[in-house]
C-alpha atoms as a PDB file:
ATOM      1  CA  MET A   1      61.469 134.778   1.827  1.00  0.00           C
ATOM      2  CA  ARG A   2      58.773 133.333   4.066  1.00  0.00           C
ATOM      3  CA  ILE A   3      60.253 129.834   3.759  1.00  0.00           C
ATOM      4  CA  GLY A   4      63.633 131.211   4.800  1.00  0.00           C
ATOM      5  CA  LEU A   5      62.079 132.871   7.865  1.00  0.00           C
ATOM      6  CA  PHE A   6      60.326 129.630   8.876  1.00  0.00           C
ATOM      7  CA  VAL A   7      63.570 127.675   8.454  1.00  0.00           C
ATOM      8  CA  LEU A   8      65.420 130.241  10.552  1.00  0.00           C
ATOM      9  CA  LEU A   9      62.701 130.172  13.231  1.00  0.00           C
ATOM     10  CA  GLY A  10      62.781 126.394  13.309  1.00  0.00           C
ATOM     11  CA  PHE A  11      66.551 126.424  13.683  1.00  0.00           C
ATOM     12  CA  VAL A  12      66.358 128.854  16.603  1.00  0.00           C
ATOM     13  CA  LEU A  13      63.636 126.828  18.360  1.00  0.00           C
ATOM     14  CA  GLN A  14      65.514 123.576  17.817  1.00  0.00           C
ATOM     15  CA  ASN A  15      68.701 125.009  19.291  1.00  0.00           C
ATOM     16  CA  SER A  16      66.724 126.432  22.193  1.00  0.00           C
ATOM     17  CA  VAL A  17      65.284 122.981  22.940  1.00  0.00           C
ATOM     18  CA  VAL A  18      68.717 121.382  22.655  1.00  0.00           C
ATOM     19  CA  ALA A  19      70.195 124.013  24.983  1.00  0.00           C
ATOM     20  CA  GLN A  20      67.450 123.353  27.525  1.00  0.00           C
ATOM     21  CA  ASN A  21      68.023 119.594  27.255  1.00  0.00           C
ATOM     22  CA  THR A  22      71.693 120.049  28.149  1.00  0.00           C
ATOM     23  CA  ARG A  23      70.769 121.526  31.520  1.00  0.00           C
ATOM     24  CA  LEU A  24      70.456 119.733  34.792  1.00  0.00           C
ATOM     25  CA  ASN A  25      67.395 121.048  36.634  1.00  0.00           C
ATOM     26  CA  GLU A  26      66.542 120.457  40.263  1.00  0.00           C
ATOM     27  CA  GLN A  27      63.857 121.723  42.601  1.00  0.00           C
ATOM     28  CA  ASN A  28      64.081 122.373  46.316  1.00  0.00           C
ATOM     29  CA  ALA A  29      61.479 123.421  48.891  1.00  0.00           C
ATOM     30  CA  ILE A  30      62.937 126.295  50.891  1.00  0.00           C
ATOM     31  CA  GLY A  31      62.002 128.491  53.831  1.00  0.00           C
ATOM     32  CA  TRP A  32      63.641 131.880  54.447  1.00  0.00           C
ATOM     33  CA  TYR A  33      63.087 133.558  57.822  1.00  0.00           C
ATOM     34  CA  GLY A  34      64.575 137.010  58.281  1.00  0.00           C
ATOM     35  CA  TYR A  35      65.129 139.769  60.823  1.00  0.00           C
ATOM     36  CA  PHE A  36      65.804 143.299  59.530  1.00  0.00           C
ATOM     37  CA  GLY A  37      66.557 146.154  61.926  1.00  0.00           C
ATOM     38  CA  THR A  38      67.360 149.827  61.359  1.00  0.00           C
ATOM     39  CA  ILE A  39      68.553 152.268  64.005  1.00  0.00           C
ATOM     40  CA  LYS A  40      68.283 155.936  63.043  1.00  0.00           C
ATOM     41  CA  LEU A  41      71.079 157.942  64.691  1.00  0.00           C
ATOM     42  CA  ASN A  42      70.257 161.350  63.199  1.00  0.00           C
ATOM     43  CA  GLN A  43      68.601 162.834  60.114  1.00  0.00           C
ATOM     44  CA  LYS A  44      71.368 161.531  57.838  1.00  0.00           C
ATOM     45  CA  ILE A  45      72.971 158.475  59.397  1.00  0.00           C
ATOM     46  CA  GLY A  46      71.635 155.135  60.597  1.00  0.00           C
ATOM     47  CA  LEU A  47      72.716 151.558  61.248  1.00  0.00           C
ATOM     48  CA  HIS A  48      71.418 148.437  59.514  1.00  0.00           C
ATOM     49  CA  THR A  49      71.381 144.937  61.031  1.00  0.00           C
ATOM     50  CA  GLU A  50      70.060 141.784  59.403  1.00  0.00           C
ATOM     51  CA  TYR A  51      70.020 138.030  59.853  1.00  0.00           C
ATOM     52  CA  GLN A  52      68.480 135.505  57.471  1.00  0.00           C
ATOM     53  CA  PHE A  53      67.841 131.923  58.558  1.00  0.00           C
ATOM     54  CA  ARG A  54      67.572 130.105  55.208  1.00  0.00           C
ATOM     55  CA  ARG A  55      66.426 126.503  55.259  1.00  0.00           C
ATOM     56  CA  ASP A  56      66.052 123.606  52.832  1.00  0.00           C
ATOM     57  CA  ASN A  57      63.010 121.293  53.021  1.00  0.00           C
ATOM     58  CA  VAL A  58      61.117 124.354  54.304  1.00  0.00           C
ATOM     59  CA  ILE A  59      62.711 124.274  57.772  1.00  0.00           C
ATOM     60  CA  THR A  60      64.363 120.942  58.604  1.00  0.00           C
ATOM     61  CA  ASP A  61      67.782 121.409  56.915  1.00  0.00           C
ATOM     62  CA  TRP A  62      70.257 124.204  56.422  1.00  0.00           C
ATOM     63  CA  GLN A  63      70.527 126.067  53.133  1.00  0.00           C
ATOM     64  CA  GLN A  64      72.319 129.231  54.197  1.00  0.00           C
ATOM     65  CA  SER A  65      73.025 131.487  57.165  1.00  0.00           C
ATOM     66  CA  LEU A  66      73.454 135.176  56.352  1.00  0.00           C
ATOM     67  CA  LEU A  67      74.443 138.020  58.677  1.00  0.00           C
ATOM     68  CA  ARG A  68      74.617 141.526  57.207  1.00  0.00           C
ATOM     69  CA  VAL A  69      75.415 144.903  58.772  1.00  0.00           C
ATOM     70  CA  GLY A  70      75.766 148.354  57.275  1.00  0.00           C
ATOM     71  CA  VAL A  71      75.785 152.124  57.680  1.00  0.00           C
ATOM     72  CA  ASN A  72      72.991 154.120  56.024  1.00  0.00           C
ATOM     73  CA  TYR A  73      73.371 157.641  54.683  1.00  0.00           C
ATOM     74  CA  GLN A  74      70.261 159.559  53.613  1.00  0.00           C
ATOM     75  CA  LEU A  75      71.315 161.398  50.459  1.00  0.00           C
ATOM     76  CA  HIS A  76      67.791 162.701  49.808  1.00  0.00           C
ATOM     77  CA  PRO A  77      64.313 161.966  51.190  1.00  0.00           C
ATOM     78  CA  LYS A  78      63.948 159.504  48.309  1.00  0.00           C
ATOM     79  CA  ALA A  79      67.528 158.209  48.074  1.00  0.00           C
ATOM     80  CA  GLN A  80      69.541 156.219  50.595  1.00  0.00           C
ATOM     81  CA  LEU A  81      73.108 154.904  50.379  1.00  0.00           C
ATOM     82  CA  ARG A  82      74.349 151.927  52.405  1.00  0.00           C
ATOM     83  CA  LEU A  83      77.871 150.552  52.856  1.00  0.00           C
ATOM     84  CA  GLY A  84      78.340 147.287  54.669  1.00  0.00           C
ATOM     85  CA  TYR A  85      79.685 143.814  55.293  1.00  0.00           C
ATOM     86  CA  ALA A  86      78.093 140.348  55.180  1.00  0.00           C
ATOM     87  CA  TRP A  87      79.150 136.970  56.554  1.00  0.00           C
ATOM     88  CA  ILE A  88      77.549 133.938  54.926  1.00  0.00           C
ATOM     89  CA  GLU A  89      77.696 130.200  55.589  1.00  0.00           C
ATOM     90  CA  THR A  90      76.419 128.076  52.687  1.00  0.00           C
ATOM     91  CA  PHE A  91      75.631 124.419  53.312  1.00  0.00           C
ATOM     92  CA  ALA A  92      75.573 121.312  51.121  1.00  0.00           C
ATOM     93  CA  TYR A  93      71.895 121.024  50.141  1.00  0.00           C
ATOM     94  CA  GLY A  94      69.947 119.690  47.183  1.00  0.00           C
ATOM     95  CA  GLU A  95      71.062 117.121  44.610  1.00  0.00           C
ATOM     96  CA  ASN A  96      73.914 119.134  43.096  1.00  0.00           C
ATOM     97  CA  PHE A  97      75.949 121.024  45.670  1.00  0.00           C
ATOM     98  CA  LEU A  98      77.213 124.559  45.053  1.00  0.00           C
ATOM     99  CA  ASN A  99      80.617 123.353  46.233  1.00  0.00           C
ATOM    100  CA  ALA A 100      81.979 120.572  43.984  1.00  0.00           C
ATOM    101  CA  LEU A 101      83.276 118.655  47.010  1.00  0.00           C
ATOM    102  CA  GLY A 102      79.906 118.706  48.770  1.00  0.00           C
ATOM    103  CA  LYS A 103      81.317 120.760  51.650  1.00  0.00           C
ATOM    104  CA  ASP A 104      79.955 123.764  53.533  1.00  0.00           C
ATOM    105  CA  PHE A 105      81.801 127.000  52.798  1.00  0.00           C
ATOM    106  CA  THR A 106      82.171 130.508  54.199  1.00  0.00           C
ATOM    107  CA  GLU A 107      81.783 133.745  52.275  1.00  0.00           C
ATOM    108  CA  HIS A 108      82.862 137.229  53.306  1.00  0.00           C
ATOM    109  CA  ARG A 109      81.303 140.100  51.431  1.00  0.00           C
ATOM    110  CA  THR A 110      81.473 143.886  51.247  1.00  0.00           C
ATOM    111  CA  TYR A 111      78.732 145.786  49.476  1.00  0.00           C
ATOM    112  CA  GLN A 112      77.525 149.208  48.353  1.00  0.00           C
ATOM    113  CA  MET A 113      73.820 149.846  47.902  1.00  0.00           C
ATOM    114  CA  LEU A 114      71.633 152.653  46.594  1.00  0.00           C
ATOM    115  CA  THR A 115      67.861 152.589  47.172  1.00  0.00           C
ATOM    116  CA  LEU A 116      65.506 154.991  45.394  1.00  0.00           C
ATOM    117  CA  THR A 117      61.881 155.290  46.513  1.00  0.00           C
ATOM    118  CA  ASP A 118      58.795 156.993  45.097  1.00  0.00           C
ATOM    119  CA  LYS A 119      55.011 156.941  45.393  1.00  0.00           C
ATOM    120  CA  VAL A 120      52.343 157.173  42.704  1.00  0.00           C
ATOM    121  CA  GLY A 121      48.792 157.202  44.015  1.00  0.00           C
ATOM    122  CA  ILE A 122      48.522 154.411  46.569  1.00  0.00           C
ATOM    123  CA  VAL A 123      51.519 152.499  45.171  1.00  0.00           C
ATOM    124  CA  ASP A 124      54.977 152.715  46.795  1.00  0.00           C
ATOM    125  CA  PHE A 125      57.902 151.889  44.520  1.00  0.00           C
ATOM    126  CA  SER A 126      61.540 151.165  45.252  1.00  0.00           C
ATOM    127  CA  HIS A 127      64.594 150.486  43.097  1.00  0.00           C
ATOM    128  CA  ARG A 128      67.594 148.887  44.799  1.00  0.00           C
ATOM    129  CA  PHE A 129      71.011 148.794  43.143  1.00  0.00           C
ATOM    130  CA  MET A 130      73.803 146.798  44.807  1.00  0.00           C
ATOM    131  CA  LEU A 131      77.456 146.020  44.109  1.00  0.00           C
ATOM    132  CA  GLU A 132      79.089 143.142  45.988  1.00  0.00           C
ATOM    133  CA  GLN A 133      82.707 142.124  46.423  1.00  0.00           C
ATOM    134  CA  ARG A 134      82.748 138.457  47.461  1.00  0.00           C
ATOM    135  CA  TRP A 135      85.486 136.283  48.969  1.00  0.00           C
ATOM    136  CA  ILE A 136      84.240 132.688  48.709  1.00  0.00           C
ATOM    137  CA  GLY A 137      86.000 129.945  50.624  1.00  0.00           C
ATOM    138  CA  ARG A 138      87.251 126.891  48.760  1.00  0.00           C
ATOM    139  CA  TYR A 139      89.242 123.724  49.440  1.00  0.00           C
ATOM    140  CA  SER A 140      92.431 122.753  47.611  1.00  0.00           C
ATOM    141  CA  SER A 141      92.016 119.115  48.717  1.00  0.00           C
ATOM    142  CA  PRO A 142      89.017 116.892  49.593  1.00  0.00           C
ATOM    143  CA  SER A 143      90.805 115.866  52.793  1.00  0.00           C
ATOM    144  CA  LEU A 144      90.644 119.374  54.270  1.00  0.00           C
ATOM    145  CA  ASP A 145      88.042 120.232  56.901  1.00  0.00           C
ATOM    146  CA  LYS A 146      88.485 124.008  56.537  1.00  0.00           C
ATOM    147  CA  GLU A 147      88.846 126.284  53.523  1.00  0.00           C
ATOM    148  CA  ASP A 148      92.447 127.187  52.727  1.00  0.00           C
ATOM    149  CA  ASP A 149      91.793 129.669  49.909  1.00  0.00           C
ATOM    150  CA  TYR A 150      89.277 132.345  48.922  1.00  0.00           C
ATOM    151  CA  LEU A 151      88.085 133.100  45.394  1.00  0.00           C
ATOM    152  CA  PHE A 152      87.263 136.760  44.672  1.00  0.00           C
ATOM    153  CA  LEU A 153      84.097 137.476  42.680  1.00  0.00           C
ATOM    154  CA  ASN A 154      82.123 140.586  41.747  1.00  0.00           C
ATOM    155  CA  ARG A 155      78.350 140.702  41.502  1.00  0.00           C
ATOM    156  CA  MET A 156      75.741 143.350  40.787  1.00  0.00           C
ATOM    157  CA  ARG A 157      72.095 143.194  41.770  1.00  0.00           C
ATOM    158  CA  TYR A 158      68.940 145.117  40.910  1.00  0.00           C
ATOM    159  CA  MET A 159      65.627 144.788  42.729  1.00  0.00           C
ATOM    160  CA  PHE A 160      62.306 146.408  41.851  1.00  0.00           C
ATOM    161  CA  ARG A 161      59.592 146.306  44.504  1.00  0.00           C
ATOM    162  CA  PHE A 162      56.130 147.812  44.769  1.00  0.00           C
ATOM    163  CA  GLN A 163      53.595 147.625  47.562  1.00  0.00           C
ATOM    164  CA  VAL A 164      50.017 148.780  48.072  1.00  0.00           C
ATOM    165  CA  PRO A 165      47.818 149.095  51.170  1.00  0.00           C
ATOM    166  CA  LEU A 166      44.876 146.723  51.415  1.00  0.00           C
ATOM    167  CA  LYS A 167      42.996 149.302  53.466  1.00  0.00           C
ATOM    168  CA  GLY A 168      43.001 153.055  52.926  1.00  0.00           C
ATOM    169  CA  ARG A 169      45.375 154.958  50.661  1.00  0.00           C
ATOM    170  CA  GLU A 170      48.684 154.550  52.474  1.00  0.00           C
ATOM    171  CA  ILE A 171      50.537 152.009  54.592  1.00  0.00           C
ATOM    172  CA  ALA A 172      50.023 153.525  58.030  1.00  0.00           C
ATOM    173  CA  ASP A 173      49.792 151.906  61.477  1.00  0.00           C
ATOM    174  CA  LYS A 174      47.487 148.861  61.725  1.00  0.00           C
ATOM    175  CA  THR A 175      47.396 148.543  57.937  1.00  0.00           C
ATOM    176  CA  PRO A 176      47.635 145.318  55.916  1.00  0.00           C
ATOM    177  CA  TYR A 177      49.451 145.529  52.586  1.00  0.00           C
ATOM    178  CA  MET A 178      50.632 143.489  49.620  1.00  0.00           C
ATOM    179  CA  ALA A 179      54.136 143.622  48.126  1.00  0.00           C
ATOM    180  CA  ILE A 180      55.709 142.108  45.003  1.00  0.00           C
ATOM    181  CA  TYR A 181      59.385 142.218  44.097  1.00  0.00           C
ATOM    182  CA  ASP A 182      61.819 140.855  41.558  1.00  0.00           C
ATOM    183  CA  GLU A 183      65.622 140.855  41.927  1.00  0.00           C
ATOM    184  CA  VAL A 184      68.210 139.821  39.340  1.00  0.00           C
ATOM    185  CA  PHE A 185      71.870 138.961  40.107  1.00  0.00           C
ATOM    186  CA  VAL A 186      74.671 139.198  37.520  1.00  0.00           C
ATOM    187  CA  GLY A 187      78.278 138.176  38.070  1.00  0.00           C
ATOM    188  CA  PHE A 188      81.159 139.982  36.365  1.00  0.00           C
ATOM    189  CA  GLY A 189      84.945 140.118  36.421  1.00  0.00           C
ATOM    190  CA  LYS A 190      87.725 137.706  35.505  1.00  0.00           C
ATOM    191  CA  ASN A 191      86.774 134.952  37.963  1.00  0.00           C
ATOM    192  CA  VAL A 192      83.173 134.488  36.846  1.00  0.00           C
ATOM    193  CA  ASN A 193      82.588 130.913  35.710  1.00  0.00           C
ATOM    194  CA  GLU A 194      79.364 129.521  34.232  1.00  0.00           C
ATOM    195  CA  ASN A 195      77.030 131.849  36.089  1.00  0.00           C
ATOM    196  CA  VAL A 196      77.237 135.325  34.592  1.00  0.00           C
ATOM    197  CA  PHE A 197      73.519 135.102  35.218  1.00  0.00           C
ATOM    198  CA  ASP A 198      73.749 134.188  38.879  1.00  0.00           C
ATOM    199  CA  GLN A 199      70.150 134.074  40.027  1.00  0.00           C
ATOM    200  CA  ASN A 200      66.714 135.678  40.067  1.00  0.00           C
ATOM    201  CA  ARG A 201      64.297 136.007  42.973  1.00  0.00           C
ATOM    202  CA  ILE A 202      60.580 136.742  42.913  1.00  0.00           C
ATOM    203  CA  GLY A 203      58.560 137.353  46.067  1.00  0.00           C
ATOM    204  CA  ILE A 204      54.825 137.830  46.610  1.00  0.00           C
ATOM    205  CA  LEU A 205      54.071 138.971  50.152  1.00  0.00           C
ATOM    206  CA  LEU A 206      51.253 139.940  52.470  1.00  0.00           C
ATOM    207  CA  GLY A 207      52.267 142.230  55.292  1.00  0.00           C
ATOM    208  CA  TYR A 208      50.962 144.078  58.299  1.00  0.00           C
ATOM    209  CA  ARG A 209      52.358 147.277  59.789  1.00  0.00           C
ATOM    210  CA  PHE A 210      51.709 147.347  63.525  1.00  0.00           C
ATOM    211  CA  SER A 211      53.481 150.660  64.196  1.00  0.00           C
ATOM    212  CA  PRO A 212      56.364 152.776  62.836  1.00  0.00           C
ATOM    213  CA  LYS A 213      58.681 150.465  64.784  1.00  0.00           C
ATOM    214  CA  PHE A 214      57.472 147.055  63.619  1.00  0.00           C
ATOM    215  CA  ARG A 215      55.953 145.248  60.666  1.00  0.00           C
ATOM    216  CA  ILE A 216      55.842 141.642  59.511  1.00  0.00           C
ATOM    217  CA  GLU A 217      55.379 140.169  56.058  1.00  0.00           C
ATOM    218  CA  GLY A 218      55.280 136.693  54.587  1.00  0.00           C
ATOM    219  CA  GLY A 219      54.426 134.817  51.453  1.00  0.00           C
ATOM    220  CA  PHE A 220      55.863 132.960  48.458  1.00  0.00           C
ATOM    221  CA  LEU A 221      59.470 133.054  47.238  1.00  0.00           C
ATOM    222  CA  ASN A 222      60.855 131.713  43.961  1.00  0.00           C
ATOM    223  CA  GLN A 223      64.641 131.520  43.568  1.00  0.00           C
ATOM    224  CA  THR A 224      66.148 130.516  40.199  1.00  0.00           C
ATOM    225  CA  LEU A 225      69.866 129.921  40.674  1.00  0.00           C
ATOM    226  CA  GLN A 226      72.606 128.800  38.288  1.00  0.00           C
ATOM    227  CA  LEU A 227      75.611 126.999  39.733  1.00  0.00           C
ATOM    228  CA  GLY A 228      79.031 128.422  38.950  1.00  0.00           C
ATOM    229  CA  ARG A 229      80.227 125.012  37.811  1.00  0.00           C
ATOM    230  CA  GLU A 230      79.139 122.256  35.442  1.00  0.00           C
ATOM    231  CA  VAL A 231      78.165 118.730  36.424  1.00  0.00           C
ATOM    232  CA  ASN A 232      79.136 116.117  33.822  1.00  0.00           C
ATOM    233  CA  GLY A 233      79.582 118.897  31.287  1.00  0.00           C
ATOM    234  CA  ARG A 234      76.100 120.331  31.869  1.00  0.00           C
ATOM    235  CA  ASN A 235      74.970 123.602  33.444  1.00  0.00           C
ATOM    236  CA  VAL A 236      72.960 123.214  36.632  1.00  0.00           C
ATOM    237  CA  PHE A 237      69.890 125.299  37.517  1.00  0.00           C
ATOM    238  CA  GLN A 238      68.095 125.190  40.838  1.00  0.00           C
ATOM    239  CA  TYR A 239      64.423 126.146  41.018  1.00  0.00           C
ATOM    240  CA  ASN A 240      63.840 126.770  44.700  1.00  0.00           C
ATOM    241  CA  ASN A 241      60.303 127.592  45.836  1.00  0.00           C
ATOM    242  CA  GLY A 242      58.891 128.096  49.271  1.00  0.00           C
ATOM    243  CA  LEU A 243      58.028 130.271  52.213  1.00  0.00           C
ATOM    244  CA  ILE A 244      59.480 133.638  53.197  1.00  0.00           C
ATOM    245  CA  ILE A 245      58.769 135.493  56.454  1.00  0.00           C
ATOM    246  CA  ASN A 246      60.350 138.845  57.310  1.00  0.00           C
ATOM    247  CA  THR A 247      60.201 140.807  60.555  1.00  0.00           C
ATOM    248  CA  VAL A 248      61.187 144.452  60.179  1.00  0.00           C
ATOM    249  CA  PHE A 249      62.109 146.751  63.081  1.00  0.00           C
ATOM    250  CA  ASN A 250      62.810 150.492  62.940  1.00  0.00           C
ATOM    251  CA  PHE A 251      64.239 152.338  65.927  1.00  0.00           C
ATOM    252  CA  ASP A 252      64.816 156.080  66.210  1.00  0.00           C
ATOM    253  CA  ALA A 253      67.698 156.899  68.537  1.00  0.00           C
ATOM    254  CA  SER A 254      67.870 160.511  67.349  1.00  0.00           C
ATOM    255  CA  LYS A 255      64.910 161.670  69.439  1.00  0.00           C
ATOM    256  CA  LYS A 256      65.974 163.399  72.617  1.00  0.00           C
ATOM    257  CA  LYS A 257      64.264 162.510  75.843  1.00  0.00           C
ATOM    258  CA  LYS A 258      62.175 165.292  77.266  1.00  0.00           C
END
């Protein structure tokens, strides 16, 4: 019985090693610089604006440009719903391009998001659930300079984040804090190719809240991404590590002037 278990374990490990050897792995040094802005219109409704300047080689080359807008609805003090649209430009970066032709491509995206928040002691938690409908530009011929078709894909995302103050018991004005998050992306639907597992992101951040209207945070980002296509019959994984800096603004337009 024990011999059989060892043989089975050895078989599993051997196949795991073989599977890993069939992958193409690449590493890129990235830098993501983001603006996030929220405008509160009343107790229930607000507007979300966002732009992310994503760079390869930390800052010298393009990786991606992402613009996202949305409408927030406060379902509960601890639950917020957001519906929105995103426009993304993805560039040819790294050794193995996301686009097989090595061309930049445009993506249009609609999304629905639910964020749940809670607090236990000095720790703030959040769970973010997102569904995305994606229209990704593609080229029917290498000679084309502009996409002439769009592939429809579905994706779901889940992010868990927690943060703690580094001074006092809550993140108030003039308070430094630390945050850690992990987000997993899973593709689904008939058009998903190799990347049912799409990507995973881990961030470790130090932040500072200046006031209710403004905070800034920065730190380390790890992005593990699987391409939706094979290269020479092998799956491709990118391991992108680098810098992330976020500026976060909150404006309250619901307050009446005295």
